[in-house]
């Protein structure tokens, strides 16, 4: 196991932001929404709702919380709103989560 050395002063400067992001991610449905956004790059509410099995209303509430925390952002194209990950660090976090949880399960299934 790799030993990490933390510069606590530097980390403390960002601790509130990190805590807010982790709080926004601390929900199974929001994790699934973000997995799809990482995979697809961006998506609209209708497509995301179908993919994660939520009503559009419930999905919109999750997206609003993540938007408020700076996790997702959006662009409007005519009457359609397209959501995407707001910060590349969140994509890096999901790459790590995928490596730790998804890839390991795939390897175990193939064995």
PDB file of N, CA and C in Angstrom:
ATOM      1  N   UNK A   1       0.844  -1.184   0.000  1.00  0.00           N
ATOM      2  CA  UNK A   1       0.000   0.000   0.000  1.00  0.00           C
ATOM      3  C   UNK A   1       0.885   1.242   0.000  1.00  0.00           C
ATOM      4  N   UNK A   2       0.526   2.208  -0.809  1.00  0.00           N
ATOM      5  CA  UNK A   2       1.276   3.451  -0.901  1.00  0.00           C
ATOM      6  C   UNK A   2       0.942   4.342   0.285  1.00  0.00           C
ATOM      7  N   UNK A   3       1.967   4.920   0.866  1.00  0.00           N
ATOM      8  CA  UNK A   3       1.761   5.864   1.952  1.00  0.00           C
ATOM      9  C   UNK A   3       1.665   7.266   1.370  1.00  0.00           C
ATOM     10  N   UNK A   4       0.583   7.936   1.682  1.00  0.00           N
ATOM     11  CA  UNK A   4       0.390   9.300   1.209  1.00  0.00           C
ATOM     12  C   UNK A   4       0.845  10.271   2.286  1.00  0.00           C
ATOM     13  N   UNK A   5       1.475  11.329   1.851  1.00  0.00           N
ATOM     14  CA  UNK A   5       1.880  12.381   2.781  1.00  0.00           C
ATOM     15  C   UNK A   5       1.016  13.600   2.485  1.00  0.00           C
ATOM     16  N   UNK A   6       0.229  13.982   3.463  1.00  0.00           N
ATOM     17  CA  UNK A   6      -0.669  15.115   3.294  1.00  0.00           C
ATOM     18  C   UNK A   6      -0.045  16.381   3.842  1.00  0.00           C
ATOM     19  N   UNK A   7      -0.142  17.434   3.062  1.00  0.00           N
ATOM     20  CA  UNK A   7       0.174  18.775   3.536  1.00  0.00           C
ATOM     21  C   UNK A   7      -1.140  19.309   4.098  1.00  0.00           C
ATOM     22  N   UNK A   8      -1.296  19.204   5.419  1.00  0.00           N
ATOM     23  CA  UNK A   8      -2.579  19.538   6.020  1.00  0.00           C
ATOM     24  C   UNK A   8      -2.986  20.990   5.798  1.00  0.00           C
ATOM     25  N   UNK A   9      -2.033  21.894   5.746  1.00  0.00           N
ATOM     26  CA  UNK A   9      -2.386  23.295   5.501  1.00  0.00           C
ATOM     27  C   UNK A   9      -3.029  23.454   4.125  1.00  0.00           C
ATOM     28  N   UNK A  10      -2.438  22.837   3.121  1.00  0.00           N
ATOM     29  CA  UNK A  10      -3.007  22.915   1.771  1.00  0.00           C
ATOM     30  C   UNK A  10      -4.363  22.231   1.717  1.00  0.00           C
ATOM     31  N   UNK A  11      -4.454  21.073   2.363  1.00  0.00           N
ATOM     32  CA  UNK A  11      -5.714  20.345   2.336  1.00  0.00           C
ATOM     33  C   UNK A  11      -6.798  21.108   3.086  1.00  0.00           C
ATOM     34  N   UNK A  12      -6.426  21.721   4.187  1.00  0.00           N
ATOM     35  CA  UNK A  12      -7.407  22.466   4.978  1.00  0.00           C
ATOM     36  C   UNK A  12      -8.022  23.615   4.175  1.00  0.00           C
ATOM     37  N   UNK A  13      -7.241  24.220   3.309  1.00  0.00           N
ATOM     38  CA  UNK A  13      -7.755  25.301   2.464  1.00  0.00           C
ATOM     39  C   UNK A  13      -8.888  24.822   1.564  1.00  0.00           C
ATOM     40  N   UNK A  14      -8.867  23.550   1.209  1.00  0.00           N
ATOM     41  CA  UNK A  14      -9.868  22.981   0.299  1.00  0.00           C
ATOM     42  C   UNK A  14     -10.853  22.047   0.993  1.00  0.00           C
ATOM     43  N   UNK A  15     -10.718  21.867   2.300  1.00  0.00           N
ATOM     44  CA  UNK A  15     -11.517  20.867   3.011  1.00  0.00           C
ATOM     45  C   UNK A  15     -13.016  21.131   2.906  1.00  0.00           C
ATOM     46  N   UNK A  16     -13.426  22.374   2.985  1.00  0.00           N
ATOM     47  CA  UNK A  16     -14.853  22.683   2.891  1.00  0.00           C
ATOM     48  C   UNK A  16     -15.394  22.317   1.517  1.00  0.00           C
ATOM     49  N   UNK A  17     -14.656  22.674   0.474  1.00  0.00           N
ATOM     50  CA  UNK A  17     -15.083  22.344  -0.889  1.00  0.00           C
ATOM     51  C   UNK A  17     -15.173  20.831  -1.072  1.00  0.00           C
ATOM     52  N   UNK A  18     -14.165  20.111  -0.593  1.00  0.00           N
ATOM     53  CA  UNK A  18     -14.156  18.651  -0.718  1.00  0.00           C
ATOM     54  C   UNK A  18     -15.331  18.047   0.048  1.00  0.00           C
ATOM     55  N   UNK A  19     -15.573  18.528   1.261  1.00  0.00           N
ATOM     56  CA  UNK A  19     -16.685  18.011   2.066  1.00  0.00           C
ATOM     57  C   UNK A  19     -18.022  18.252   1.369  1.00  0.00           C
ATOM     58  N   UNK A  20     -18.190  19.419   0.763  1.00  0.00           N
ATOM     59  CA  UNK A  20     -19.438  19.713   0.045  1.00  0.00           C
ATOM     60  C   UNK A  20     -19.623  18.791  -1.154  1.00  0.00           C
ATOM     61  N   UNK A  21     -18.549  18.546  -1.878  1.00  0.00           N
ATOM     62  CA  UNK A  21     -18.623  17.642  -3.032  1.00  0.00           C
ATOM     63  C   UNK A  21     -18.957  16.229  -2.575  1.00  0.00           C
ATOM     64  N   UNK A  22     -18.275  15.753  -1.533  1.00  0.00           N
ATOM     65  CA  UNK A  22     -18.538  14.399  -1.043  1.00  0.00           C
ATOM     66  C   UNK A  22     -19.963  14.271  -0.513  1.00  0.00           C
ATOM     67  N   UNK A  23     -20.464  15.310   0.124  1.00  0.00           N
ATOM     68  CA  UNK A  23     -21.844  15.298   0.609  1.00  0.00           C
ATOM     69  C   UNK A  23     -22.815  15.186  -0.580  1.00  0.00           C
ATOM     70  N   UNK A  24     -22.522  15.909  -1.643  1.00  0.00           N
ATOM     71  CA  UNK A  24     -23.374  15.843  -2.838  1.00  0.00           C
ATOM     72  C   UNK A  24     -23.317  14.463  -3.488  1.00  0.00           C
ATOM     73  N   UNK A  25     -22.195  13.770  -3.353  1.00  0.00           N
ATOM     74  CA  UNK A  25     -22.036  12.448  -3.958  1.00  0.00           C
ATOM     75  C   UNK A  25     -22.577  11.323  -3.076  1.00  0.00           C
ATOM     76  N   UNK A  26     -22.883  11.618  -1.827  1.00  0.00           N
ATOM     77  CA  UNK A  26     -23.241  10.593  -0.848  1.00  0.00           C
ATOM     78  C   UNK A  26     -24.685  10.117  -1.015  1.00  0.00           C
ATOM     79  N   UNK A  27     -25.008   9.662  -2.204  1.00  0.00           N
ATOM     80  CA  UNK A  27     -26.334   9.162  -2.515  1.00  0.00           C
ATOM     81  C   UNK A  27     -26.190   8.196  -3.696  1.00  0.00           C
ATOM     82  N   UNK A  28     -26.768   7.016  -3.557  1.00  0.00           N
ATOM     83  CA  UNK A  28     -26.615   5.993  -4.600  1.00  0.00           C
ATOM     84  C   UNK A  28     -27.106   6.475  -5.965  1.00  0.00           C
ATOM     85  N   UNK A  29     -28.240   7.133  -5.996  1.00  0.00           N
ATOM     86  CA  UNK A  29     -28.786   7.593  -7.279  1.00  0.00           C
ATOM     87  C   UNK A  29     -27.894   8.648  -7.918  1.00  0.00           C
ATOM     88  N   UNK A  30     -27.376   9.574  -7.095  1.00  0.00           N
ATOM     89  CA  UNK A  30     -26.494  10.604  -7.650  1.00  0.00           C
ATOM     90  C   UNK A  30     -25.213   9.975  -8.183  1.00  0.00           C
ATOM     91  N   UNK A  31     -24.722   8.934  -7.526  1.00  0.00           N
ATOM     92  CA  UNK A  31     -23.543   8.235  -8.047  1.00  0.00           C
ATOM     93  C   UNK A  31     -23.838   7.633  -9.419  1.00  0.00           C
ATOM     94  N   UNK A  32     -25.023   7.030  -9.577  1.00  0.00           N
ATOM     95  CA  UNK A  32     -25.388   6.439 -10.869  1.00  0.00           C
ATOM     96  C   UNK A  32     -25.529   7.519 -11.944  1.00  0.00           C
ATOM     97  N   UNK A  33     -26.122   8.646 -11.575  1.00  0.00           N
ATOM     98  CA  UNK A  33     -26.262   9.764 -12.517  1.00  0.00           C
ATOM     99  C   UNK A  33     -24.883  10.209 -12.988  1.00  0.00           C
ATOM    100  N   UNK A  34     -23.971  10.372 -12.051  1.00  0.00           N
ATOM    101  CA  UNK A  34     -22.629  10.845 -12.401  1.00  0.00           C
ATOM    102  C   UNK A  34     -21.860   9.807 -13.208  1.00  0.00           C
ATOM    103  N   UNK A  35     -22.056   8.529 -12.911  1.00  0.00           N
ATOM    104  CA  UNK A  35     -21.412   7.489 -13.732  1.00  0.00           C
ATOM    105  C   UNK A  35     -21.822   7.647 -15.195  1.00  0.00           C
ATOM    106  N   UNK A  36     -23.108   7.867 -15.423  1.00  0.00           N
ATOM    107  CA  UNK A  36     -23.584   8.034 -16.799  1.00  0.00           C
ATOM    108  C   UNK A  36     -23.031   9.309 -17.424  1.00  0.00           C
ATOM    109  N   UNK A  37     -22.961  10.392 -16.665  1.00  0.00           N
ATOM    110  CA  UNK A  37     -22.416  11.629 -17.218  1.00  0.00           C
ATOM    111  C   UNK A  37     -20.934  11.491 -17.537  1.00  0.00           C
ATOM    112  N   UNK A  38     -20.203  10.755 -16.715  1.00  0.00           N
ATOM    113  CA  UNK A  38     -18.786  10.508 -17.019  1.00  0.00           C
ATOM    114  C   UNK A  38     -18.684   9.679 -18.293  1.00  0.00           C
ATOM    115  N   UNK A  39     -19.516   8.658 -18.411  1.00  0.00           N
ATOM    116  CA  UNK A  39     -19.486   7.776 -19.583  1.00  0.00           C
ATOM    117  C   UNK A  39     -19.892   8.510 -20.863  1.00  0.00           C
ATOM    118  N   UNK A  40     -20.956   9.295 -20.795  1.00  0.00           N
ATOM    119  CA  UNK A  40     -21.519   9.924 -21.988  1.00  0.00           C
ATOM    120  C   UNK A  40     -20.980  11.319 -22.280  1.00  0.00           C
ATOM    121  N   UNK A  41     -20.398  11.970 -21.304  1.00  0.00           N
ATOM    122  CA  UNK A  41     -19.948  13.349 -21.484  1.00  0.00           C
ATOM    123  C   UNK A  41     -21.022  14.341 -21.098  1.00  0.00           C
ATOM    124  N   UNK A  42     -22.197  14.206 -21.670  1.00  0.00           N
ATOM    125  CA  UNK A  42     -23.341  15.027 -21.277  1.00  0.00           C
ATOM    126  C   UNK A  42     -24.615  14.300 -21.670  1.00  0.00           C
ATOM    127  N   UNK A  43     -25.705  14.689 -21.019  1.00  0.00           N
ATOM    128  CA  UNK A  43     -26.991  14.054 -21.314  1.00  0.00           C
ATOM    129  C   UNK A  43     -28.116  14.980 -20.884  1.00  0.00           C
ATOM    130  N   UNK A  44     -29.282  14.748 -21.477  1.00  0.00           N
ATOM    131  CA  UNK A  44     -30.460  15.520 -21.070  1.00  0.00           C
ATOM    132  C   UNK A  44     -31.240  14.747 -20.011  1.00  0.00           C
ATOM    133  N   UNK A  45     -32.210  15.408 -19.405  1.00  0.00           N
ATOM    134  CA  UNK A  45     -32.958  14.822 -18.293  1.00  0.00           C
ATOM    135  C   UNK A  45     -33.693  13.556 -18.721  1.00  0.00           C
ATOM    136  N   UNK A  46     -34.307  13.559 -19.883  1.00  0.00           N
ATOM    137  CA  UNK A  46     -35.069  12.395 -20.343  1.00  0.00           C
ATOM    138  C   UNK A  46     -34.176  11.165 -20.459  1.00  0.00           C
ATOM    139  N   UNK A  47     -33.039  11.325 -21.092  1.00  0.00           N
ATOM    140  CA  UNK A  47     -32.113  10.208 -21.284  1.00  0.00           C
ATOM    141  C   UNK A  47     -31.554   9.717 -19.956  1.00  0.00           C
ATOM    142  N   UNK A  48     -31.160  10.652 -19.096  1.00  0.00           N
ATOM    143  CA  UNK A  48     -30.625  10.271 -17.785  1.00  0.00           C
ATOM    144  C   UNK A  48     -31.680   9.564 -16.939  1.00  0.00           C
ATOM    145  N   UNK A  49     -32.902  10.077 -16.943  1.00  0.00           N
ATOM    146  CA  UNK A  49     -33.968   9.476 -16.142  1.00  0.00           C
ATOM    147  C   UNK A  49     -34.195   8.025 -16.546  1.00  0.00           C
ATOM    148  N   UNK A  50     -34.228   7.759 -17.845  1.00  0.00           N
ATOM    149  CA  UNK A  50     -34.400   6.385 -18.325  1.00  0.00           C
ATOM    150  C   UNK A  50     -33.219   5.513 -17.919  1.00  0.00           C
ATOM    151  N   UNK A  51     -32.007   6.054 -18.011  1.00  0.00           N
ATOM    152  CA  UNK A  51     -30.806   5.267 -17.733  1.00  0.00           C
ATOM    153  C   UNK A  51     -30.683   4.882 -16.267  1.00  0.00           C
ATOM    154  N   UNK A  52     -31.100   5.763 -15.364  1.00  0.00           N
ATOM    155  CA  UNK A  52     -30.910   5.489 -13.934  1.00  0.00           C
ATOM    156  C   UNK A  52     -32.196   5.087 -13.227  1.00  0.00           C
ATOM    157  N   UNK A  53     -33.293   5.016 -13.967  1.00  0.00           N
ATOM    158  CA  UNK A  53     -34.545   4.528 -13.390  1.00  0.00           C
ATOM    159  C   UNK A  53     -35.218   5.486 -12.421  1.00  0.00           C
ATOM    160  N   UNK A  54     -35.157   6.769 -12.716  1.00  0.00           N
ATOM    161  CA  UNK A  54     -35.819   7.776 -11.887  1.00  0.00           C
ATOM    162  C   UNK A  54     -36.849   8.527 -12.714  1.00  0.00           C
ATOM    163  N   UNK A  55     -37.833   9.086 -12.032  1.00  0.00           N
ATOM    164  CA  UNK A  55     -38.742   9.995 -12.727  1.00  0.00           C
ATOM    165  C   UNK A  55     -37.963  11.264 -13.066  1.00  0.00           C
ATOM    166  N   UNK A  56     -38.449  11.993 -14.051  1.00  0.00           N
ATOM    167  CA  UNK A  56     -37.769  13.237 -14.417  1.00  0.00           C
ATOM    168  C   UNK A  56     -37.780  14.225 -13.257  1.00  0.00           C
ATOM    169  N   UNK A  57     -38.842  14.218 -12.473  1.00  0.00           N
ATOM    170  CA  UNK A  57     -38.944  15.113 -11.322  1.00  0.00           C
ATOM    171  C   UNK A  57     -37.885  14.780 -10.268  1.00  0.00           C
ATOM    172  N   UNK A  58     -37.762  13.497  -9.932  1.00  0.00           N
ATOM    173  CA  UNK A  58     -36.763  13.080  -8.940  1.00  0.00           C
ATOM    174  C   UNK A  58     -35.354  13.360  -9.446  1.00  0.00           C
ATOM    175  N   UNK A  59     -35.115  13.063 -10.716  1.00  0.00           N
ATOM    176  CA  UNK A  59     -33.800  13.323 -11.303  1.00  0.00           C
ATOM    177  C   UNK A  59     -33.471  14.809 -11.248  1.00  0.00           C
ATOM    178  N   UNK A  60     -34.436  15.643 -11.567  1.00  0.00           N
ATOM    179  CA  UNK A  60     -34.206  17.090 -11.554  1.00  0.00           C
ATOM    180  C   UNK A  60     -33.815  17.581 -10.167  1.00  0.00           C
ATOM    181  N   UNK A  61     -34.397  16.991  -9.128  1.00  0.00           N
ATOM    182  CA  UNK A  61     -34.026  17.366  -7.759  1.00  0.00           C
ATOM    183  C   UNK A  61     -32.580  16.990  -7.467  1.00  0.00           C
ATOM    184  N   UNK A  62     -32.170  15.796  -7.888  1.00  0.00           N
ATOM    185  CA  UNK A  62     -30.776  15.381  -7.692  1.00  0.00           C
ATOM    186  C   UNK A  62     -29.828  16.291  -8.470  1.00  0.00           C
ATOM    187  N   UNK A  63     -30.182  16.589  -9.704  1.00  0.00           N
ATOM    188  CA  UNK A  63     -29.332  17.455 -10.524  1.00  0.00           C
ATOM    189  C   UNK A  63     -29.226  18.853  -9.923  1.00  0.00           C
ATOM    190  N   UNK A  64     -30.319  19.362  -9.364  1.00  0.00           N
ATOM    191  CA  UNK A  64     -30.292  20.692  -8.742  1.00  0.00           C
ATOM    192  C   UNK A  64     -29.337  20.715  -7.558  1.00  0.00           C
ATOM    193  N   UNK A  65     -29.368  19.669  -6.737  1.00  0.00           N
ATOM    194  CA  UNK A  65     -28.452  19.612  -5.591  1.00  0.00           C
ATOM    195  C   UNK A  65     -27.009  19.577  -6.072  1.00  0.00           C
ATOM    196  N   UNK A  66     -26.731  18.755  -7.071  1.00  0.00           N
ATOM    197  CA  UNK A  66     -25.359  18.656  -7.573  1.00  0.00           C
ATOM    198  C   UNK A  66     -24.932  19.936  -8.288  1.00  0.00           C
ATOM    199  N   UNK A  67     -25.860  20.592  -8.925  1.00  0.00           N
ATOM    200  CA  UNK A  67     -25.554  21.878  -9.566  1.00  0.00           C
ATOM    201  C   UNK A  67     -25.221  22.928  -8.498  1.00  0.00           C
ATOM    202  N   UNK A  68     -25.991  22.951  -7.415  1.00  0.00           N
ATOM    203  CA  UNK A  68     -25.743  23.893  -6.322  1.00  0.00           C
ATOM    204  C   UNK A  68     -24.373  23.685  -5.689  1.00  0.00           C
ATOM    205  N   UNK A  69     -23.904  22.445  -5.673  1.00  0.00           N
ATOM    206  CA  UNK A  69     -22.599  22.124  -5.080  1.00  0.00           C
ATOM    207  C   UNK A  69     -21.468  22.218  -6.092  1.00  0.00           C
ATOM    208  N   UNK A  70     -21.779  22.561  -7.335  1.00  0.00           N
ATOM    209  CA  UNK A  70     -20.740  22.709  -8.346  1.00  0.00           C
ATOM    210  C   UNK A  70     -20.249  21.404  -8.939  1.00  0.00           C
ATOM    211  N   UNK A  71     -21.029  20.337  -8.762  1.00  0.00           N
ATOM    212  CA  UNK A  71     -20.640  19.025  -9.274  1.00  0.00           C
ATOM    213  C   UNK A  71     -21.004  18.891 -10.750  1.00  0.00           C
ATOM    214  N   UNK A  72     -22.177  19.397 -11.122  1.00  0.00           N
ATOM    215  CA  UNK A  72     -22.593  19.374 -12.525  1.00  0.00           C
ATOM    216  C   UNK A  72     -22.885  20.796 -12.996  1.00  0.00           C
ATOM    217  N   UNK A  73     -22.858  20.958 -14.284  1.00  0.00           N
ATOM    218  CA  UNK A  73     -23.237  22.217 -14.913  1.00  0.00           C
ATOM    219  C   UNK A  73     -24.113  21.869 -16.109  1.00  0.00           C
ATOM    220  N   UNK A  74     -24.627  22.867 -16.782  1.00  0.00           N
ATOM    221  CA  UNK A  74     -25.533  22.584 -17.892  1.00  0.00           C
ATOM    222  C   UNK A  74     -25.401  23.644 -18.970  1.00  0.00           C
ATOM    223  N   UNK A  75     -25.933  23.276 -20.124  1.00  0.00           N
ATOM    224  CA  UNK A  75     -26.085  24.236 -21.207  1.00  0.00           C
ATOM    225  C   UNK A  75     -27.481  24.039 -21.780  1.00  0.00           C
ATOM    226  N   UNK A  76     -28.037  25.115 -22.235  1.00  0.00           N
ATOM    227  CA  UNK A  76     -29.382  25.065 -22.807  1.00  0.00           C
ATOM    228  C   UNK A  76     -29.269  25.096 -24.326  1.00  0.00           C
ATOM    229  N   UNK A  77     -29.961  24.167 -24.962  1.00  0.00           N
ATOM    230  CA  UNK A  77     -30.030  24.125 -26.424  1.00  0.00           C
ATOM    231  C   UNK A  77     -31.507  24.094 -26.791  1.00  0.00           C
ATOM    232  N   UNK A  78     -32.011  25.228 -27.197  1.00  0.00           N
ATOM    233  CA  UNK A  78     -33.431  25.385 -27.484  1.00  0.00           C
ATOM    234  C   UNK A  78     -34.210  25.088 -26.199  1.00  0.00           C
ATOM    235  N   UNK A  79     -35.033  24.044 -26.188  1.00  0.00           N
ATOM    236  CA  UNK A  79     -35.816  23.715 -24.991  1.00  0.00           C
ATOM    237  C   UNK A  79     -35.191  22.590 -24.182  1.00  0.00           C
ATOM    238  N   UNK A  80     -34.055  22.094 -24.606  1.00  0.00           N
ATOM    239  CA  UNK A  80     -33.401  20.971 -23.939  1.00  0.00           C
ATOM    240  C   UNK A  80     -32.229  21.469 -23.108  1.00  0.00           C
ATOM    241  N   UNK A  81     -32.127  20.934 -21.884  1.00  0.00           N
ATOM    242  CA  UNK A  81     -30.996  21.252 -21.017  1.00  0.00           C
ATOM    243  C   UNK A  81     -30.078  20.038 -20.989  1.00  0.00           C
ATOM    244  N   UNK A  82     -28.811  20.268 -21.289  1.00  0.00           N
ATOM    245  CA  UNK A  82     -27.798  19.221 -21.314  1.00  0.00           C
ATOM    246  C   UNK A  82     -26.902  19.372 -20.087  1.00  0.00           C
ATOM    247  N   UNK A  83     -26.789  18.299 -19.297  1.00  0.00           N
ATOM    248  CA  UNK A  83     -25.968  18.304 -18.088  1.00  0.00           C
ATOM    249  C   UNK A  83     -24.639  17.618 -18.348  1.00  0.00           C
ATOM    250  N   UNK A  84     -23.617  18.070 -17.633  1.00  0.00           N
ATOM    251  CA  UNK A  84     -22.286  17.458 -17.710  1.00  0.00           C
ATOM    252  C   UNK A  84     -21.569  17.682 -16.384  1.00  0.00           C
ATOM    253  N   UNK A  85     -20.490  16.953 -16.187  1.00  0.00           N
ATOM    254  CA  UNK A  85     -19.651  17.117 -14.997  1.00  0.00           C
ATOM    255  C   UNK A  85     -19.004  18.498 -15.066  1.00  0.00           C
ATOM    256  N   UNK A  86     -19.001  19.212 -13.942  1.00  0.00           N
ATOM    257  CA  UNK A  86     -18.508  20.592 -13.929  1.00  0.00           C
ATOM    258  C   UNK A  86     -17.005  20.697 -13.728  1.00  0.00           C
ATOM    259  N   UNK A  87     -16.405  19.698 -13.108  1.00  0.00           N
ATOM    260  CA  UNK A  87     -15.008  19.805 -12.698  1.00  0.00           C
ATOM    261  C   UNK A  87     -14.265  18.531 -13.106  1.00  0.00           C
ATOM    262  N   UNK A  88     -13.168  18.650 -13.839  1.00  0.00           N
ATOM    263  CA  UNK A  88     -12.429  17.451 -14.257  1.00  0.00           C
ATOM    264  C   UNK A  88     -11.919  16.617 -13.082  1.00  0.00           C
ATOM    265  N   UNK A  89     -11.776  17.219 -11.912  1.00  0.00           N
ATOM    266  CA  UNK A  89     -11.340  16.438 -10.738  1.00  0.00           C
ATOM    267  C   UNK A  89     -12.401  15.414 -10.349  1.00  0.00           C
ATOM    268  N   UNK A  90     -13.664  15.734 -10.590  1.00  0.00           N
ATOM    269  CA  UNK A  90     -14.732  14.777 -10.292  1.00  0.00           C
ATOM    270  C   UNK A  90     -14.657  13.602 -11.259  1.00  0.00           C
ATOM    271  N   UNK A  91     -14.323  13.868 -12.511  1.00  0.00           N
ATOM    272  CA  UNK A  91     -14.120  12.776 -13.469  1.00  0.00           C
ATOM    273  C   UNK A  91     -12.950  11.900 -13.034  1.00  0.00           C
ATOM    274  N   UNK A  92     -11.890  12.497 -12.519  1.00  0.00           N
ATOM    275  CA  UNK A  92     -10.747  11.724 -12.016  1.00  0.00           C
ATOM    276  C   UNK A  92     -11.171  10.872 -10.826  1.00  0.00           C
ATOM    277  N   UNK A  93     -11.984  11.446  -9.947  1.00  0.00           N
ATOM    278  CA  UNK A  93     -12.490  10.698  -8.802  1.00  0.00           C
ATOM    279  C   UNK A  93     -13.292   9.488  -9.272  1.00  0.00           C
ATOM    280  N   UNK A  94     -14.122   9.670 -10.288  1.00  0.00           N
ATOM    281  CA  UNK A  94     -14.918   8.554 -10.796  1.00  0.00           C
ATOM    282  C   UNK A  94     -14.062   7.525 -11.527  1.00  0.00           C
ATOM    283  N   UNK A  95     -12.985   7.943 -12.141  1.00  0.00           N
ATOM    284  CA  UNK A  95     -12.056   6.979 -12.743  1.00  0.00           C
ATOM    285  C   UNK A  95     -11.455   6.102 -11.650  1.00  0.00           C
ATOM    286  N   UNK A  96     -11.138   6.702 -10.514  1.00  0.00           N
ATOM    287  CA  UNK A  96     -10.606   5.939  -9.384  1.00  0.00           C
ATOM    288  C   UNK A  96     -11.668   5.002  -8.828  1.00  0.00           C
ATOM    289  N   UNK A  97     -12.888   5.496  -8.646  1.00  0.00           N
ATOM    290  CA  UNK A  97     -13.974   4.646  -8.158  1.00  0.00           C
ATOM    291  C   UNK A  97     -14.224   3.476  -9.107  1.00  0.00           C
ATOM    292  N   UNK A  98     -14.178   3.743 -10.402  1.00  0.00           N
ATOM    293  CA  UNK A  98     -14.364   2.684 -11.395  1.00  0.00           C
ATOM    294  C   UNK A  98     -13.264   1.634 -11.261  1.00  0.00           C
ATOM    295  N   UNK A  99     -12.029   2.080 -11.120  1.00  0.00           N
ATOM    296  CA  UNK A  99     -10.908   1.141 -10.991  1.00  0.00           C
ATOM    297  C   UNK A  99     -11.031   0.309  -9.718  1.00  0.00           C
ATOM    298  N   UNK A 100     -11.489   0.917  -8.639  1.00  0.00           N
ATOM    299  CA  UNK A 100     -11.580   0.210  -7.359  1.00  0.00           C
ATOM    300  C   UNK A 100     -12.780  -0.718  -7.269  1.00  0.00           C
ATOM    301  N   UNK A 101     -13.902  -0.323  -7.850  1.00  0.00           N
ATOM    302  CA  UNK A 101     -15.132  -1.079  -7.646  1.00  0.00           C
ATOM    303  C   UNK A 101     -15.645  -1.779  -8.892  1.00  0.00           C
ATOM    304  N   UNK A 102     -15.659  -1.127 -10.008  1.00  0.00           N
ATOM    305  CA  UNK A 102     -16.227  -1.730 -11.224  1.00  0.00           C
ATOM    306  C   UNK A 102     -15.251  -2.690 -11.885  1.00  0.00           C
ATOM    307  N   UNK A 103     -14.043  -2.245 -12.102  1.00  0.00           N
ATOM    308  CA  UNK A 103     -13.055  -3.067 -12.795  1.00  0.00           C
ATOM    309  C   UNK A 103     -12.730  -4.323 -11.987  1.00  0.00           C
ATOM    310  N   UNK A 104     -12.633  -4.185 -10.665  1.00  0.00           N
ATOM    311  CA  UNK A 104     -12.327  -5.347  -9.834  1.00  0.00           C
ATOM    312  C   UNK A 104     -13.442  -6.388  -9.923  1.00  0.00           C
ATOM    313  N   UNK A 105     -14.689  -5.938  -9.976  1.00  0.00           N
ATOM    314  CA  UNK A 105     -15.805  -6.873 -10.110  1.00  0.00           C
ATOM    315  C   UNK A 105     -15.798  -7.549 -11.474  1.00  0.00           C
ATOM    316  N   UNK A 106     -15.435  -6.809 -12.518  1.00  0.00           N
ATOM    317  CA  UNK A 106     -15.352  -7.393 -13.853  1.00  0.00           C
ATOM    318  C   UNK A 106     -14.279  -8.471 -13.885  1.00  0.00           C
ATOM    319  N   UNK A 107     -13.138  -8.205 -13.278  1.00  0.00           N
ATOM    320  CA  UNK A 107     -12.045  -9.181 -13.233  1.00  0.00           C
ATOM    321  C   UNK A 107     -12.491 -10.424 -12.477  1.00  0.00           C
ATOM    322  N   UNK A 108     -13.170 -10.237 -11.343  1.00  0.00           N
ATOM    323  CA  UNK A 108     -13.634 -11.367 -10.542  1.00  0.00           C
ATOM    324  C   UNK A 108     -14.639 -12.217 -11.320  1.00  0.00           C
ATOM    325  N   UNK A 109     -15.527 -11.586 -12.082  1.00  0.00           N
ATOM    326  CA  UNK A 109     -16.514 -12.325 -12.870  1.00  0.00           C
ATOM    327  C   UNK A 109     -15.855 -13.128 -13.984  1.00  0.00           C
ATOM    328  N   UNK A 110     -14.770 -12.580 -14.540  1.00  0.00           N
ATOM    329  CA  UNK A 110     -14.081 -13.249 -15.640  1.00  0.00           C
ATOM    330  C   UNK A 110     -13.209 -14.403 -15.156  1.00  0.00           C
ATOM    331  N   UNK A 111     -12.883 -14.417 -13.875  1.00  0.00           N
ATOM    332  CA  UNK A 111     -12.004 -15.471 -13.324  1.00  0.00           C
ATOM    333  C   UNK A 111     -12.740 -16.763 -13.104  1.00  0.00           C
TER     334      UNK A 111
END
